């Protein structure tokens, strides 16, 4: 289980760190490394489920981690929700 610092942690910082970690040396395409990013992107989605990129990033992480149904479900949110609310 990941622990998160106090409320001062911004979702954009967390998102940037996760992207950097998974992009390092192409690790995002490797399931074991991508699986480490999934909880981070799940946290970002929890903090900002109203932002489509939160769902997109999570869907991409699920796909890279070899979790296709969860990837489909997350990416379906991106195309099916009304983001103008």
C-alpha atoms as a PDB file:
ATOM      1  CA  UNK A   1       0.000   0.000   0.000  1.00  0.00           C
ATOM      2  CA  UNK A   2       1.308   3.395  -0.940  1.00  0.00           C
ATOM      3  CA  UNK A   3       1.325   6.124   1.627  1.00  0.00           C
ATOM      4  CA  UNK A   4       0.797   9.678   0.503  1.00  0.00           C
ATOM      5  CA  UNK A   5       2.150  12.836   2.060  1.00  0.00           C
ATOM      6  CA  UNK A   6      -0.240  15.397   3.461  1.00  0.00           C
ATOM      7  CA  UNK A   7      -2.776  17.343   1.469  1.00  0.00           C
ATOM      8  CA  UNK A   8      -0.025  19.533   0.048  1.00  0.00           C
ATOM      9  CA  UNK A   9       0.710  16.875  -2.604  1.00  0.00           C
ATOM     10  CA  UNK A  10      -0.837  17.980  -5.832  1.00  0.00           C
ATOM     11  CA  UNK A  11      -2.300  15.553  -8.312  1.00  0.00           C
ATOM     12  CA  UNK A  12      -0.265  17.103 -11.100  1.00  0.00           C
ATOM     13  CA  UNK A  13       2.955  16.415  -9.203  1.00  0.00           C
ATOM     14  CA  UNK A  14       1.922  12.839  -8.516  1.00  0.00           C
ATOM     15  CA  UNK A  15       0.912  12.394 -12.159  1.00  0.00           C
ATOM     16  CA  UNK A  16       4.227  13.819 -13.377  1.00  0.00           C
ATOM     17  CA  UNK A  17       6.219  11.547 -11.098  1.00  0.00           C
ATOM     18  CA  UNK A  18       4.317   8.481 -12.253  1.00  0.00           C
ATOM     19  CA  UNK A  19       4.777   9.390 -15.909  1.00  0.00           C
ATOM     20  CA  UNK A  20       8.475  10.004 -15.377  1.00  0.00           C
ATOM     21  CA  UNK A  21       8.964   6.736 -13.538  1.00  0.00           C
ATOM     22  CA  UNK A  22       7.134   4.681 -16.125  1.00  0.00           C
ATOM     23  CA  UNK A  23       8.705   6.422 -19.111  1.00  0.00           C
ATOM     24  CA  UNK A  24      12.268   5.942 -17.851  1.00  0.00           C
ATOM     25  CA  UNK A  25      14.088   3.728 -20.334  1.00  0.00           C
ATOM     26  CA  UNK A  26      10.810   2.679 -21.934  1.00  0.00           C
ATOM     27  CA  UNK A  27       9.569   0.865 -18.828  1.00  0.00           C
ATOM     28  CA  UNK A  28       5.950   1.759 -19.525  1.00  0.00           C
ATOM     29  CA  UNK A  29       5.893  -1.011 -22.112  1.00  0.00           C
ATOM     30  CA  UNK A  30       7.083  -3.599 -19.581  1.00  0.00           C
ATOM     31  CA  UNK A  31       4.286  -5.119 -17.495  1.00  0.00           C
ATOM     32  CA  UNK A  32       6.184  -5.500 -14.211  1.00  0.00           C
ATOM     33  CA  UNK A  33       7.324  -1.891 -14.196  1.00  0.00           C
ATOM     34  CA  UNK A  34       4.004  -0.581 -15.474  1.00  0.00           C
ATOM     35  CA  UNK A  35       2.213  -2.440 -12.678  1.00  0.00           C
ATOM     36  CA  UNK A  36       4.092  -0.269 -10.194  1.00  0.00           C
ATOM     37  CA  UNK A  37       2.541   2.840 -11.739  1.00  0.00           C
ATOM     38  CA  UNK A  38      -1.053   1.580 -11.529  1.00  0.00           C
ATOM     39  CA  UNK A  39      -1.592   2.488  -7.832  1.00  0.00           C
ATOM     40  CA  UNK A  40      -0.162   5.939  -8.483  1.00  0.00           C
ATOM     41  CA  UNK A  41      -2.526   6.596 -11.382  1.00  0.00           C
ATOM     42  CA  UNK A  42      -5.404   5.151  -9.329  1.00  0.00           C
ATOM     43  CA  UNK A  43      -4.615   7.754  -6.661  1.00  0.00           C
ATOM     44  CA  UNK A  44      -4.531  10.516  -9.270  1.00  0.00           C
ATOM     45  CA  UNK A  45      -7.909   9.340 -10.571  1.00  0.00           C
ATOM     46  CA  UNK A  46      -9.268   9.410  -7.027  1.00  0.00           C
ATOM     47  CA  UNK A  47      -8.015  12.967  -6.549  1.00  0.00           C
ATOM     48  CA  UNK A  48      -9.265  14.206  -9.926  1.00  0.00           C
ATOM     49  CA  UNK A  49     -11.857  11.889 -11.416  1.00  0.00           C
ATOM     50  CA  UNK A  50     -13.358  14.934 -13.142  1.00  0.00           C
ATOM     51  CA  UNK A  51     -10.288  15.265 -15.415  1.00  0.00           C
ATOM     52  CA  UNK A  52     -10.264  13.017 -18.491  1.00  0.00           C
ATOM     53  CA  UNK A  53      -6.480  12.687 -18.433  1.00  0.00           C
ATOM     54  CA  UNK A  54      -6.743  10.959 -15.045  1.00  0.00           C
ATOM     55  CA  UNK A  55      -8.789   8.200 -16.665  1.00  0.00           C
ATOM     56  CA  UNK A  56      -6.610   8.132 -19.800  1.00  0.00           C
ATOM     57  CA  UNK A  57      -3.393   7.762 -17.814  1.00  0.00           C
ATOM     58  CA  UNK A  58      -4.911   5.026 -15.669  1.00  0.00           C
ATOM     59  CA  UNK A  59      -6.201   3.194 -18.735  1.00  0.00           C
ATOM     60  CA  UNK A  60      -2.777   3.353 -20.370  1.00  0.00           C
ATOM     61  CA  UNK A  61      -1.122   2.074 -17.195  1.00  0.00           C
ATOM     62  CA  UNK A  62      -3.591  -0.816 -16.958  1.00  0.00           C
ATOM     63  CA  UNK A  63      -2.935  -1.701 -20.605  1.00  0.00           C
ATOM     64  CA  UNK A  64       0.835  -1.618 -20.156  1.00  0.00           C
ATOM     65  CA  UNK A  65       0.488  -3.736 -16.999  1.00  0.00           C
ATOM     66  CA  UNK A  66      -1.389  -6.437 -18.918  1.00  0.00           C
ATOM     67  CA  UNK A  67      -4.811  -5.642 -17.455  1.00  0.00           C
ATOM     68  CA  UNK A  68      -6.845  -5.198 -20.654  1.00  0.00           C
ATOM     69  CA  UNK A  69     -10.392  -5.183 -19.260  1.00  0.00           C
ATOM     70  CA  UNK A  70      -9.558  -2.551 -16.680  1.00  0.00           C
ATOM     71  CA  UNK A  71      -7.831  -0.538 -19.428  1.00  0.00           C
ATOM     72  CA  UNK A  72     -10.950  -0.730 -21.587  1.00  0.00           C
ATOM     73  CA  UNK A  73     -13.166   0.316 -18.683  1.00  0.00           C
ATOM     74  CA  UNK A  74     -10.987   3.317 -17.787  1.00  0.00           C
ATOM     75  CA  UNK A  75     -10.615   4.463 -21.390  1.00  0.00           C
ATOM     76  CA  UNK A  76     -14.363   4.038 -21.937  1.00  0.00           C
ATOM     77  CA  UNK A  77     -14.862   6.666 -19.231  1.00  0.00           C
ATOM     78  CA  UNK A  78     -12.837   9.112 -21.309  1.00  0.00           C
ATOM     79  CA  UNK A  79     -15.088   8.776 -24.333  1.00  0.00           C
ATOM     80  CA  UNK A  80     -18.438   8.282 -22.611  1.00  0.00           C
ATOM     81  CA  UNK A  81     -18.537  10.951 -19.898  1.00  0.00           C
ATOM     82  CA  UNK A  82     -19.740  14.481 -20.384  1.00  0.00           C
ATOM     83  CA  UNK A  83     -16.630  16.433 -19.415  1.00  0.00           C
ATOM     84  CA  UNK A  84     -18.281  19.830 -19.784  1.00  0.00           C
ATOM     85  CA  UNK A  85     -20.199  19.492 -16.520  1.00  0.00           C
END
